[in-house]
Amino acid sequence: MPANLPSGPEAYSVIAAEPIPAPTVYQIAPTDVLALKVFGEPEVSIEQLRVDDAGNVQVPLIGQLQAAGHTVVELRDEITTRLQRRYLRNPQVNVLVSEAAKRYVSVEGEVKKPGVYEIDTNFTLLSAIARAESPTQTARLSEVIIFRTIDGKRMAGRFNLKDIRGGAAPDPQIMNGDVVMVGYSTSRGVWQDLLKAAPAFNAFAYILTR
């Protein structure tokens, strides 16, 4: 594990410490699929309007609009305003999310089942570890790192899973695209190797005592 990563309060300043309350109204996200309906205007209506990775949509007559981060009501109002400004009189616009984008976290390192897992709203570090079926016996619980891309920059913070489990530290929020890495405890690894080799040692000791 990198030695210069922020830990403790500094890590929580990089990675959100508390679960973020779910918004009362859904906010559009990249790769969502929308349905755009303009009453009486089939050439403007689109059954499947996909939000691109940058959060934009291409709307007929209007062009590119930023959709991610906005509610369907906000996007509807923006489309209505732009259509009314130049093309249509009193357009009746409706926008729906027909297919919400899936969100994922990757859990790696000393967990029983590493992999990529789908997450939902208010998913936390403990949730991610549980989805990977808990740490292994050789995991270093004080060396759990969350990697996150923020404004195009790769960021990371080190967290102590034992403190989080015991309530001594907050359970950090997991976001789409995060990577969770659970470190390896050298001392525990050596001890586990000794235990695995114990039958051979016992056999050898038995031979010596005959």
N, C-alpha and C. Protein backbone atom coordinates (compact mmCIF):
# COMPACT_ATOMS: atom_id res chain seq x y z
N MET A 1 0.83 -1.20 0.00
CA MET A 1 0.00 0.00 0.00
C MET A 1 0.87 1.26 0.00
N PRO A 2 0.50 2.28 -0.76
CA PRO A 2 1.28 3.52 -0.75
C PRO A 2 1.33 4.12 0.64
N ALA A 3 2.52 4.60 1.04
CA ALA A 3 2.70 5.08 2.41
C ALA A 3 2.25 6.52 2.59
N ASN A 4 2.12 7.27 1.49
CA ASN A 4 1.85 8.70 1.61
C ASN A 4 0.39 9.06 1.41
N LEU A 5 -0.50 8.08 1.47
CA LEU A 5 -1.92 8.37 1.30
C LEU A 5 -2.49 9.00 2.56
N PRO A 6 -3.44 9.93 2.43
CA PRO A 6 -4.06 10.52 3.61
C PRO A 6 -4.85 9.47 4.39
N SER A 7 -4.81 9.59 5.70
CA SER A 7 -5.57 8.69 6.56
C SER A 7 -6.24 9.51 7.65
N GLY A 8 -7.11 8.85 8.43
CA GLY A 8 -7.81 9.55 9.51
C GLY A 8 -8.65 10.70 8.96
N PRO A 9 -8.69 11.84 9.67
CA PRO A 9 -9.51 12.99 9.23
C PRO A 9 -9.16 13.48 7.83
N GLU A 10 -7.89 13.39 7.44
CA GLU A 10 -7.49 13.84 6.11
C GLU A 10 -8.12 12.97 5.03
N ALA A 11 -8.22 11.67 5.28
CA ALA A 11 -8.85 10.78 4.30
C ALA A 11 -10.32 11.11 4.14
N TYR A 12 -10.97 11.44 5.26
CA TYR A 12 -12.39 11.77 5.20
C TYR A 12 -12.63 13.12 4.52
N SER A 13 -11.60 13.94 4.44
CA SER A 13 -11.75 15.20 3.72
C SER A 13 -11.68 14.98 2.21
N VAL A 14 -11.09 13.85 1.80
CA VAL A 14 -10.99 13.51 0.38
C VAL A 14 -12.20 12.68 -0.05
N ILE A 15 -12.52 11.67 0.73
CA ILE A 15 -13.65 10.77 0.44
C ILE A 15 -14.77 11.10 1.41
N ALA A 16 -15.98 11.31 0.89
CA ALA A 16 -17.12 11.71 1.72
C ALA A 16 -17.27 10.78 2.91
N ALA A 17 -17.36 11.34 4.10
CA ALA A 17 -17.41 10.53 5.31
C ALA A 17 -18.78 9.95 5.58
N GLU A 18 -19.81 10.76 5.45
CA GLU A 18 -21.14 10.32 5.81
C GLU A 18 -21.94 9.97 4.57
N PRO A 19 -22.82 8.96 4.68
CA PRO A 19 -23.71 8.67 3.57
C PRO A 19 -24.49 9.90 3.15
N ILE A 20 -24.55 10.14 1.86
CA ILE A 20 -25.25 11.30 1.34
C ILE A 20 -26.74 11.00 1.27
N PRO A 21 -27.60 11.82 1.88
CA PRO A 21 -29.03 11.54 1.81
C PRO A 21 -29.51 11.44 0.38
N ALA A 22 -30.37 10.47 0.12
CA ALA A 22 -30.90 10.31 -1.22
C ALA A 22 -31.74 11.53 -1.58
N PRO A 23 -31.55 12.08 -2.79
CA PRO A 23 -32.35 13.23 -3.18
C PRO A 23 -33.82 12.85 -3.28
N THR A 24 -34.69 13.80 -2.95
CA THR A 24 -36.12 13.52 -3.03
C THR A 24 -36.57 13.36 -4.46
N VAL A 25 -35.83 13.95 -5.40
CA VAL A 25 -36.12 13.82 -6.82
C VAL A 25 -34.88 13.28 -7.52
N TYR A 26 -35.07 12.31 -8.38
CA TYR A 26 -33.95 11.67 -9.07
C TYR A 26 -33.21 12.65 -9.95
N GLN A 27 -31.89 12.61 -9.88
CA GLN A 27 -31.06 13.43 -10.74
C GLN A 27 -30.49 12.57 -11.87
N ILE A 28 -30.60 13.07 -13.07
CA ILE A 28 -30.13 12.35 -14.25
C ILE A 28 -28.63 12.12 -14.16
N ALA A 29 -28.19 10.94 -14.61
CA ALA A 29 -26.78 10.56 -14.55
C ALA A 29 -26.30 10.13 -15.93
N PRO A 30 -24.99 10.19 -16.17
CA PRO A 30 -24.45 9.69 -17.44
C PRO A 30 -24.89 8.25 -17.69
N THR A 31 -25.16 7.94 -18.95
CA THR A 31 -25.62 6.65 -19.48
C THR A 31 -27.07 6.32 -19.12
N ASP A 32 -27.77 7.21 -18.42
CA ASP A 32 -29.22 7.04 -18.29
C ASP A 32 -29.86 7.06 -19.67
N VAL A 33 -31.00 6.41 -19.80
CA VAL A 33 -31.78 6.48 -21.04
C VAL A 33 -33.08 7.23 -20.74
N LEU A 34 -33.33 8.30 -21.49
CA LEU A 34 -34.50 9.14 -21.28
C LEU A 34 -35.51 8.92 -22.40
N ALA A 35 -36.74 9.29 -22.11
CA ALA A 35 -37.79 9.33 -23.13
C ALA A 35 -38.26 10.77 -23.24
N LEU A 36 -38.14 11.34 -24.43
CA LEU A 36 -38.55 12.73 -24.68
C LEU A 36 -39.79 12.73 -25.55
N LYS A 37 -40.85 13.34 -25.06
CA LYS A 37 -42.11 13.42 -25.80
C LYS A 37 -42.53 14.87 -25.92
N VAL A 38 -42.69 15.34 -27.16
CA VAL A 38 -43.22 16.67 -27.43
C VAL A 38 -44.55 16.47 -28.14
N PHE A 39 -45.63 16.81 -27.47
CA PHE A 39 -46.98 16.52 -27.97
C PHE A 39 -47.19 17.14 -29.35
N GLY A 40 -47.64 16.29 -30.30
CA GLY A 40 -47.92 16.76 -31.65
C GLY A 40 -46.69 17.00 -32.50
N GLU A 41 -45.49 16.65 -31.99
CA GLU A 41 -44.25 16.90 -32.72
C GLU A 41 -43.41 15.61 -32.75
N PRO A 42 -43.81 14.63 -33.57
CA PRO A 42 -43.09 13.35 -33.59
C PRO A 42 -41.64 13.47 -34.03
N GLU A 43 -41.31 14.48 -34.84
CA GLU A 43 -39.94 14.62 -35.31
C GLU A 43 -39.00 15.10 -34.21
N VAL A 44 -39.55 15.63 -33.15
CA VAL A 44 -38.74 16.08 -32.02
C VAL A 44 -38.74 15.05 -30.89
N SER A 45 -39.77 14.21 -30.85
CA SER A 45 -39.89 13.21 -29.80
C SER A 45 -38.93 12.04 -30.04
N ILE A 46 -38.33 11.54 -28.94
CA ILE A 46 -37.38 10.42 -29.02
C ILE A 46 -37.70 9.43 -27.90
N GLU A 47 -37.92 8.18 -28.28
CA GLU A 47 -38.25 7.17 -27.27
C GLU A 47 -37.05 6.79 -26.42
N GLN A 48 -35.86 6.76 -27.02
CA GLN A 48 -34.64 6.40 -26.28
C GLN A 48 -33.57 7.46 -26.53
N LEU A 49 -33.43 8.32 -25.56
CA LEU A 49 -32.45 9.42 -25.63
C LEU A 49 -31.39 9.14 -24.58
N ARG A 50 -30.26 8.64 -25.02
CA ARG A 50 -29.22 8.23 -24.07
C ARG A 50 -28.33 9.41 -23.66
N VAL A 51 -28.09 9.51 -22.38
CA VAL A 51 -27.17 10.51 -21.85
C VAL A 51 -25.75 9.98 -22.05
N ASP A 52 -24.88 10.78 -22.68
CA ASP A 52 -23.53 10.29 -22.95
C ASP A 52 -22.67 10.32 -21.69
N ASP A 53 -21.43 9.84 -21.81
CA ASP A 53 -20.55 9.72 -20.65
C ASP A 53 -20.22 11.08 -20.03
N ALA A 54 -20.33 12.14 -20.83
CA ALA A 54 -20.06 13.49 -20.32
C ALA A 54 -21.31 14.11 -19.70
N GLY A 55 -22.44 13.40 -19.76
CA GLY A 55 -23.67 13.91 -19.15
C GLY A 55 -24.55 14.71 -20.09
N ASN A 56 -24.27 14.66 -21.39
CA ASN A 56 -25.03 15.47 -22.36
C ASN A 56 -26.02 14.63 -23.15
N VAL A 57 -27.03 15.31 -23.71
CA VAL A 57 -27.97 14.68 -24.64
C VAL A 57 -28.06 15.55 -25.89
N GLN A 58 -28.40 14.92 -27.00
CA GLN A 58 -28.59 15.63 -28.26
C GLN A 58 -30.09 15.69 -28.55
N VAL A 59 -30.64 16.90 -28.52
CA VAL A 59 -32.07 17.11 -28.71
C VAL A 59 -32.32 17.71 -30.09
N PRO A 60 -33.24 17.13 -30.88
CA PRO A 60 -33.53 17.70 -32.20
C PRO A 60 -33.92 19.18 -32.11
N LEU A 61 -33.47 19.95 -33.07
CA LEU A 61 -33.70 21.39 -33.19
C LEU A 61 -32.87 22.22 -32.21
N ILE A 62 -32.49 21.60 -31.09
CA ILE A 62 -31.78 22.34 -30.05
C ILE A 62 -30.29 22.06 -30.08
N GLY A 63 -29.94 20.79 -30.21
CA GLY A 63 -28.55 20.39 -30.15
C GLY A 63 -28.19 19.82 -28.79
N GLN A 64 -26.97 20.04 -28.36
CA GLN A 64 -26.47 19.44 -27.12
C GLN A 64 -26.93 20.20 -25.89
N LEU A 65 -27.39 19.42 -24.90
CA LEU A 65 -27.79 19.98 -23.60
C LEU A 65 -27.16 19.17 -22.49
N GLN A 66 -26.80 19.85 -21.41
CA GLN A 66 -26.31 19.17 -20.22
C GLN A 66 -27.50 18.59 -19.46
N ALA A 67 -27.49 17.26 -19.27
CA ALA A 67 -28.61 16.61 -18.59
C ALA A 67 -28.21 16.09 -17.21
N ALA A 68 -27.00 15.53 -17.11
CA ALA A 68 -26.57 14.94 -15.84
C ALA A 68 -26.54 15.99 -14.74
N GLY A 69 -27.02 15.60 -13.57
CA GLY A 69 -27.06 16.52 -12.44
C GLY A 69 -28.35 17.30 -12.34
N HIS A 70 -29.19 17.21 -13.36
CA HIS A 70 -30.47 17.90 -13.36
C HIS A 70 -31.61 16.90 -13.17
N THR A 71 -32.72 17.36 -12.68
CA THR A 71 -33.91 16.51 -12.60
C THR A 71 -34.61 16.52 -13.95
N VAL A 72 -35.54 15.58 -14.14
CA VAL A 72 -36.27 15.54 -15.41
C VAL A 72 -37.12 16.79 -15.58
N VAL A 73 -37.58 17.36 -14.47
CA VAL A 73 -38.37 18.59 -14.53
C VAL A 73 -37.50 19.75 -15.02
N GLU A 74 -36.30 19.84 -14.50
CA GLU A 74 -35.39 20.91 -14.92
C GLU A 74 -35.03 20.77 -16.39
N LEU A 75 -34.76 19.52 -16.82
CA LEU A 75 -34.43 19.31 -18.23
C LEU A 75 -35.64 19.59 -19.11
N ARG A 76 -36.81 19.18 -18.68
CA ARG A 76 -38.04 19.47 -19.44
C ARG A 76 -38.24 20.96 -19.61
N ASP A 77 -38.05 21.71 -18.54
CA ASP A 77 -38.24 23.16 -18.61
C ASP A 77 -37.23 23.82 -19.54
N GLU A 78 -35.99 23.32 -19.53
CA GLU A 78 -34.96 23.88 -20.40
C GLU A 78 -35.29 23.60 -21.87
N ILE A 79 -35.72 22.38 -22.15
CA ILE A 79 -36.10 22.04 -23.53
C ILE A 79 -37.30 22.86 -23.97
N THR A 80 -38.27 23.01 -23.09
CA THR A 80 -39.47 23.81 -23.41
C THR A 80 -39.09 25.25 -23.74
N THR A 81 -38.24 25.83 -22.91
CA THR A 81 -37.82 27.23 -23.12
C THR A 81 -37.12 27.40 -24.46
N ARG A 82 -36.21 26.48 -24.79
CA ARG A 82 -35.45 26.61 -26.02
C ARG A 82 -36.31 26.38 -27.26
N LEU A 83 -37.22 25.41 -27.17
CA LEU A 83 -38.11 25.18 -28.31
C LEU A 83 -39.05 26.37 -28.52
N GLN A 84 -39.55 26.90 -27.42
CA GLN A 84 -40.49 28.02 -27.51
C GLN A 84 -39.80 29.30 -28.00
N ARG A 85 -38.52 29.42 -27.70
CA ARG A 85 -37.79 30.63 -28.06
C ARG A 85 -37.64 30.79 -29.57
N ARG A 86 -37.50 29.67 -30.29
CA ARG A 86 -37.19 29.79 -31.72
C ARG A 86 -38.05 28.93 -32.65
N TYR A 87 -38.63 27.84 -32.13
CA TYR A 87 -39.22 26.88 -33.06
C TYR A 87 -40.72 26.64 -32.88
N LEU A 88 -41.21 26.47 -31.67
CA LEU A 88 -42.58 26.05 -31.45
C LEU A 88 -43.31 27.02 -30.52
N ARG A 89 -44.60 27.11 -30.70
CA ARG A 89 -45.42 27.93 -29.82
C ARG A 89 -46.08 27.04 -28.76
N ASN A 90 -45.80 27.35 -27.50
CA ASN A 90 -46.35 26.60 -26.36
C ASN A 90 -46.14 25.09 -26.49
N PRO A 91 -44.91 24.63 -26.65
CA PRO A 91 -44.67 23.18 -26.76
C PRO A 91 -45.00 22.46 -25.45
N GLN A 92 -45.62 21.31 -25.57
CA GLN A 92 -45.95 20.47 -24.42
C GLN A 92 -44.91 19.35 -24.34
N VAL A 93 -43.96 19.53 -23.43
CA VAL A 93 -42.81 18.63 -23.35
C VAL A 93 -42.90 17.75 -22.11
N ASN A 94 -42.52 16.49 -22.29
CA ASN A 94 -42.46 15.58 -21.15
C ASN A 94 -41.15 14.78 -21.25
N VAL A 95 -40.44 14.65 -20.12
CA VAL A 95 -39.19 13.89 -20.07
C VAL A 95 -39.29 12.86 -18.95
N LEU A 96 -38.95 11.62 -19.25
CA LEU A 96 -38.95 10.55 -18.27
C LEU A 96 -37.62 9.80 -18.32
N VAL A 97 -37.23 9.21 -17.19
CA VAL A 97 -36.08 8.30 -17.17
C VAL A 97 -36.62 6.90 -17.42
N SER A 98 -36.36 6.37 -18.60
CA SER A 98 -36.88 5.05 -18.94
C SER A 98 -35.95 3.93 -18.47
N GLU A 99 -34.67 4.25 -18.31
CA GLU A 99 -33.71 3.24 -17.85
C GLU A 99 -32.57 3.94 -17.10
N ALA A 100 -32.52 3.72 -15.80
CA ALA A 100 -31.48 4.35 -14.98
C ALA A 100 -30.15 3.64 -15.19
N ALA A 101 -29.07 4.42 -15.21
CA ALA A 101 -27.73 3.85 -15.40
C ALA A 101 -27.36 2.99 -14.21
N LYS A 102 -26.66 1.89 -14.48
CA LYS A 102 -26.15 1.05 -13.41
C LYS A 102 -24.86 1.66 -12.87
N ARG A 103 -24.62 1.45 -11.59
CA ARG A 103 -23.46 2.01 -10.91
C ARG A 103 -22.68 0.88 -10.26
N TYR A 104 -21.35 0.99 -10.30
CA TYR A 104 -20.52 -0.13 -9.87
C TYR A 104 -19.38 0.32 -8.95
N VAL A 105 -18.92 -0.64 -8.13
CA VAL A 105 -17.71 -0.49 -7.34
C VAL A 105 -16.86 -1.74 -7.54
N SER A 106 -15.55 -1.57 -7.57
CA SER A 106 -14.63 -2.70 -7.67
C SER A 106 -13.98 -2.91 -6.30
N VAL A 107 -14.06 -4.14 -5.80
CA VAL A 107 -13.46 -4.48 -4.49
C VAL A 107 -12.33 -5.48 -4.75
N GLU A 108 -11.12 -5.11 -4.34
CA GLU A 108 -9.94 -5.92 -4.64
C GLU A 108 -9.12 -6.16 -3.38
N GLY A 109 -8.11 -6.99 -3.53
CA GLY A 109 -7.20 -7.25 -2.41
C GLY A 109 -7.67 -8.39 -1.53
N GLU A 110 -7.47 -8.22 -0.21
CA GLU A 110 -7.72 -9.29 0.75
C GLU A 110 -9.18 -9.38 1.17
N VAL A 111 -10.04 -9.74 0.21
CA VAL A 111 -11.43 -10.06 0.48
C VAL A 111 -11.70 -11.45 -0.08
N LYS A 112 -12.74 -12.09 0.43
CA LYS A 112 -12.99 -13.47 0.04
C LYS A 112 -13.45 -13.60 -1.41
N LYS A 113 -14.12 -12.56 -1.91
CA LYS A 113 -14.64 -12.64 -3.28
C LYS A 113 -14.42 -11.32 -4.00
N PRO A 114 -13.19 -11.06 -4.46
CA PRO A 114 -12.94 -9.82 -5.20
C PRO A 114 -13.80 -9.77 -6.46
N GLY A 115 -14.14 -8.56 -6.87
CA GLY A 115 -14.92 -8.42 -8.09
C GLY A 115 -15.52 -7.05 -8.24
N VAL A 116 -16.33 -6.91 -9.26
CA VAL A 116 -17.04 -5.66 -9.55
C VAL A 116 -18.50 -5.88 -9.19
N TYR A 117 -19.05 -4.98 -8.37
CA TYR A 117 -20.40 -5.15 -7.85
C TYR A 117 -21.27 -3.93 -8.15
N GLU A 118 -22.53 -4.20 -8.47
CA GLU A 118 -23.47 -3.11 -8.69
C GLU A 118 -23.86 -2.50 -7.35
N ILE A 119 -23.96 -1.19 -7.30
CA ILE A 119 -24.30 -0.51 -6.06
C ILE A 119 -25.58 0.30 -6.24
N ASP A 120 -26.16 0.67 -5.11
CA ASP A 120 -27.35 1.50 -5.13
C ASP A 120 -27.11 2.76 -4.31
N THR A 121 -28.16 3.52 -4.08
CA THR A 121 -28.04 4.76 -3.34
C THR A 121 -27.60 4.51 -1.90
N ASN A 122 -26.75 5.39 -1.38
CA ASN A 122 -26.26 5.30 0.00
C ASN A 122 -25.48 4.01 0.26
N PHE A 123 -24.72 3.60 -0.71
CA PHE A 123 -23.83 2.44 -0.56
C PHE A 123 -22.57 2.91 0.15
N THR A 124 -22.10 2.15 1.14
CA THR A 124 -20.95 2.57 1.95
C THR A 124 -19.83 1.56 1.86
N LEU A 125 -18.71 1.88 2.51
CA LEU A 125 -17.56 0.99 2.51
C LEU A 125 -17.92 -0.37 3.12
N LEU A 126 -18.63 -0.36 4.24
CA LEU A 126 -19.03 -1.62 4.86
C LEU A 126 -19.92 -2.44 3.92
N SER A 127 -20.77 -1.76 3.16
CA SER A 127 -21.63 -2.45 2.19
C SER A 127 -20.78 -3.12 1.13
N ALA A 128 -19.75 -2.41 0.65
CA ALA A 128 -18.88 -2.96 -0.39
C ALA A 128 -18.11 -4.18 0.12
N ILE A 129 -17.58 -4.09 1.35
CA ILE A 129 -16.85 -5.21 1.93
C ILE A 129 -17.77 -6.41 2.13
N ALA A 130 -19.00 -6.15 2.57
CA ALA A 130 -19.96 -7.23 2.76
C ALA A 130 -20.31 -7.89 1.43
N ARG A 131 -20.45 -7.08 0.37
CA ARG A 131 -20.76 -7.63 -0.96
C ARG A 131 -19.65 -8.56 -1.44
N ALA A 132 -18.41 -8.27 -1.03
CA ALA A 132 -17.27 -9.12 -1.38
C ALA A 132 -17.05 -10.23 -0.36
N GLU A 133 -18.04 -10.47 0.48
CA GLU A 133 -18.05 -11.57 1.45
C GLU A 133 -16.98 -11.46 2.54
N SER A 134 -16.69 -10.20 2.95
CA SER A 134 -15.85 -9.91 4.12
C SER A 134 -14.35 -10.08 3.82
N PRO A 135 -13.50 -9.47 4.68
CA PRO A 135 -12.05 -9.60 4.50
C PRO A 135 -11.59 -11.03 4.76
N THR A 136 -10.43 -11.36 4.21
CA THR A 136 -9.81 -12.65 4.50
C THR A 136 -9.13 -12.59 5.86
N GLN A 137 -8.63 -13.73 6.32
CA GLN A 137 -7.94 -13.78 7.61
C GLN A 137 -6.60 -13.06 7.55
N THR A 138 -6.08 -12.83 6.36
CA THR A 138 -4.79 -12.15 6.23
C THR A 138 -4.95 -10.67 5.87
N ALA A 139 -6.16 -10.14 5.98
CA ALA A 139 -6.40 -8.74 5.63
C ALA A 139 -5.85 -7.81 6.71
N ARG A 140 -5.32 -6.68 6.29
CA ARG A 140 -4.91 -5.63 7.22
C ARG A 140 -6.04 -4.62 7.27
N LEU A 141 -6.84 -4.65 8.32
CA LEU A 141 -8.05 -3.84 8.40
C LEU A 141 -7.75 -2.35 8.50
N SER A 142 -6.54 -2.00 8.91
CA SER A 142 -6.18 -0.58 8.99
C SER A 142 -5.68 -0.04 7.65
N GLU A 143 -5.60 -0.90 6.65
CA GLU A 143 -5.09 -0.52 5.34
C GLU A 143 -6.14 -0.77 4.27
N VAL A 144 -7.27 -0.09 4.39
CA VAL A 144 -8.33 -0.18 3.38
C VAL A 144 -8.35 1.15 2.63
N ILE A 145 -8.13 1.10 1.34
CA ILE A 145 -8.00 2.33 0.54
C ILE A 145 -9.16 2.44 -0.45
N ILE A 146 -9.72 3.62 -0.52
CA ILE A 146 -10.72 3.93 -1.54
C ILE A 146 -10.08 4.84 -2.57
N PHE A 147 -10.11 4.40 -3.83
CA PHE A 147 -9.65 5.22 -4.95
C PHE A 147 -10.87 5.82 -5.64
N ARG A 148 -10.79 7.11 -5.95
CA ARG A 148 -11.94 7.80 -6.56
C ARG A 148 -11.43 8.86 -7.54
N THR A 149 -12.12 9.00 -8.65
CA THR A 149 -11.81 10.07 -9.61
C THR A 149 -12.70 11.26 -9.31
N ILE A 150 -12.08 12.40 -8.97
CA ILE A 150 -12.80 13.62 -8.64
C ILE A 150 -12.33 14.73 -9.57
N ASP A 151 -13.25 15.26 -10.38
CA ASP A 151 -12.91 16.31 -11.34
C ASP A 151 -11.73 15.91 -12.22
N GLY A 152 -11.75 14.64 -12.65
CA GLY A 152 -10.71 14.15 -13.55
C GLY A 152 -9.41 13.77 -12.87
N LYS A 153 -9.31 13.91 -11.55
CA LYS A 153 -8.09 13.58 -10.83
C LYS A 153 -8.30 12.32 -10.00
N ARG A 154 -7.29 11.44 -10.01
CA ARG A 154 -7.34 10.21 -9.23
C ARG A 154 -6.98 10.52 -7.79
N MET A 155 -7.92 10.29 -6.87
CA MET A 155 -7.73 10.57 -5.46
C MET A 155 -7.85 9.27 -4.67
N ALA A 156 -7.33 9.29 -3.43
CA ALA A 156 -7.39 8.10 -2.59
C ALA A 156 -7.33 8.50 -1.13
N GLY A 157 -7.89 7.66 -0.29
CA GLY A 157 -7.82 7.84 1.16
C GLY A 157 -7.73 6.49 1.84
N ARG A 158 -7.01 6.45 2.98
CA ARG A 158 -6.83 5.21 3.73
C ARG A 158 -7.77 5.21 4.93
N PHE A 159 -8.45 4.08 5.14
CA PHE A 159 -9.45 3.98 6.21
C PHE A 159 -9.20 2.74 7.06
N ASN A 160 -9.61 2.83 8.32
CA ASN A 160 -9.45 1.74 9.27
C ASN A 160 -10.78 1.03 9.42
N LEU A 161 -10.89 -0.16 8.83
CA LEU A 161 -12.15 -0.88 8.83
C LEU A 161 -12.57 -1.31 10.23
N LYS A 162 -11.59 -1.60 11.08
CA LYS A 162 -11.92 -2.00 12.45
C LYS A 162 -12.58 -0.85 13.20
N ASP A 163 -12.08 0.37 13.04
CA ASP A 163 -12.69 1.53 13.69
C ASP A 163 -14.09 1.80 13.14
N ILE A 164 -14.26 1.62 11.85
CA ILE A 164 -15.58 1.86 11.24
C ILE A 164 -16.58 0.85 11.75
N ARG A 165 -16.18 -0.41 11.82
CA ARG A 165 -17.08 -1.45 12.32
C ARG A 165 -17.48 -1.19 13.77
N GLY A 166 -16.53 -0.67 14.55
CA GLY A 166 -16.81 -0.43 15.97
C GLY A 166 -17.50 0.89 16.24
N GLY A 167 -17.75 1.69 15.22
CA GLY A 167 -18.41 2.96 15.39
C GLY A 167 -17.50 4.10 15.79
N ALA A 168 -16.18 3.84 15.82
CA ALA A 168 -15.23 4.89 16.20
C ALA A 168 -14.93 5.84 15.04
N ALA A 169 -15.28 5.45 13.83
CA ALA A 169 -15.06 6.29 12.65
C ALA A 169 -16.28 6.15 11.73
N PRO A 170 -16.59 7.19 10.96
CA PRO A 170 -17.74 7.12 10.05
C PRO A 170 -17.52 6.10 8.94
N ASP A 171 -18.60 5.60 8.41
CA ASP A 171 -18.58 4.66 7.30
C ASP A 171 -18.64 5.46 6.00
N PRO A 172 -17.53 5.58 5.25
CA PRO A 172 -17.53 6.48 4.09
C PRO A 172 -18.44 6.03 2.96
N GLN A 173 -18.96 7.01 2.25
CA GLN A 173 -19.83 6.78 1.12
C GLN A 173 -19.03 6.19 -0.05
N ILE A 174 -19.61 5.20 -0.71
CA ILE A 174 -19.03 4.64 -1.94
C ILE A 174 -19.79 5.20 -3.13
N MET A 175 -19.04 5.69 -4.13
CA MET A 175 -19.64 6.30 -5.31
C MET A 175 -19.37 5.44 -6.53
N ASN A 176 -20.13 5.70 -7.58
CA ASN A 176 -19.95 4.96 -8.83
C ASN A 176 -18.52 5.09 -9.35
N GLY A 177 -17.91 3.95 -9.69
CA GLY A 177 -16.55 3.95 -10.22
C GLY A 177 -15.46 3.85 -9.18
N ASP A 178 -15.80 3.85 -7.89
CA ASP A 178 -14.79 3.71 -6.84
C ASP A 178 -14.11 2.34 -6.92
N VAL A 179 -12.87 2.31 -6.45
CA VAL A 179 -12.13 1.05 -6.29
C VAL A 179 -11.74 0.93 -4.82
N VAL A 180 -12.12 -0.17 -4.19
CA VAL A 180 -11.78 -0.43 -2.79
C VAL A 180 -10.69 -1.49 -2.77
N MET A 181 -9.59 -1.19 -2.09
CA MET A 181 -8.47 -2.13 -2.00
C MET A 181 -8.20 -2.45 -0.53
N VAL A 182 -8.28 -3.73 -0.18
CA VAL A 182 -8.02 -4.18 1.19
C VAL A 182 -6.61 -4.73 1.25
N GLY A 183 -5.79 -4.19 2.17
CA GLY A 183 -4.38 -4.54 2.24
C GLY A 183 -4.11 -5.90 2.84
N TYR A 184 -2.87 -6.32 2.69
CA TYR A 184 -2.42 -7.63 3.16
C TYR A 184 -1.56 -7.47 4.41
N SER A 185 -1.87 -8.27 5.43
CA SER A 185 -1.10 -8.25 6.67
C SER A 185 0.00 -9.31 6.60
N THR A 186 1.25 -8.85 6.55
CA THR A 186 2.36 -9.80 6.44
C THR A 186 2.42 -10.74 7.63
N SER A 187 2.23 -10.19 8.83
CA SER A 187 2.33 -11.02 10.04
C SER A 187 1.23 -12.08 10.06
N ARG A 188 0.02 -11.69 9.69
CA ARG A 188 -1.07 -12.66 9.65
C ARG A 188 -0.84 -13.69 8.55
N GLY A 189 -0.25 -13.23 7.44
CA GLY A 189 0.02 -14.15 6.35
C GLY A 189 1.01 -15.22 6.76
N VAL A 190 2.06 -14.82 7.47
CA VAL A 190 3.05 -15.78 7.94
C VAL A 190 2.41 -16.78 8.91
N TRP A 191 1.57 -16.26 9.81
CA TRP A 191 0.90 -17.13 10.79
C TRP A 191 -0.02 -18.14 10.09
N GLN A 192 -0.75 -17.67 9.07
CA GLN A 192 -1.62 -18.58 8.34
C GLN A 192 -0.81 -19.63 7.60
N ASP A 193 0.35 -19.25 7.07
CA ASP A 193 1.21 -20.23 6.40
C ASP A 193 1.69 -21.29 7.38
N LEU A 194 1.99 -20.86 8.60
CA LEU A 194 2.42 -21.81 9.63
C LEU A 194 1.31 -22.78 9.98
N LEU A 195 0.09 -22.25 10.10
CA LEU A 195 -1.04 -23.11 10.43
C LEU A 195 -1.30 -24.13 9.33
N LYS A 196 -1.18 -23.69 8.07
CA LYS A 196 -1.40 -24.61 6.95
C LYS A 196 -0.34 -25.72 6.93
N ALA A 197 0.86 -25.37 7.39
CA ALA A 197 1.94 -26.35 7.39
C ALA A 197 1.97 -27.19 8.66
N ALA A 198 1.09 -26.91 9.61
CA ALA A 198 1.11 -27.58 10.91
C ALA A 198 1.05 -29.11 10.81
N PRO A 199 0.20 -29.70 9.97
CA PRO A 199 0.19 -31.17 9.89
C PRO A 199 1.56 -31.75 9.54
N ALA A 200 2.28 -31.09 8.63
CA ALA A 200 3.61 -31.58 8.26
C ALA A 200 4.56 -31.49 9.45
N PHE A 201 4.49 -30.36 10.20
CA PHE A 201 5.33 -30.21 11.38
C PHE A 201 5.02 -31.30 12.41
N ASN A 202 3.73 -31.57 12.60
CA ASN A 202 3.34 -32.57 13.59
C ASN A 202 3.86 -33.95 13.19
N ALA A 203 3.77 -34.23 11.91
CA ALA A 203 4.27 -35.52 11.43
C ALA A 203 5.78 -35.63 11.65
N PHE A 204 6.48 -34.57 11.36
CA PHE A 204 7.94 -34.56 11.51
C PHE A 204 8.31 -34.73 12.99
N ALA A 205 7.58 -34.02 13.88
CA ALA A 205 7.85 -34.14 15.31
C ALA A 205 7.57 -35.57 15.80
N TYR A 206 6.55 -36.17 15.28
CA TYR A 206 6.18 -37.52 15.68
C TYR A 206 7.29 -38.52 15.30
N ILE A 207 7.83 -38.34 14.11
CA ILE A 207 8.91 -39.22 13.64
C ILE A 207 10.12 -39.11 14.54
N LEU A 208 10.43 -37.84 14.97
CA LEU A 208 11.60 -37.62 15.80
C LEU A 208 11.46 -38.27 17.17
N THR A 209 10.25 -38.43 17.67
CA THR A 209 10.04 -38.95 19.01
C THR A 209 9.88 -40.45 19.04
N ARG A 210 9.89 -41.10 17.90
CA ARG A 210 9.76 -42.56 17.91
C ARG A 210 11.03 -43.22 18.43
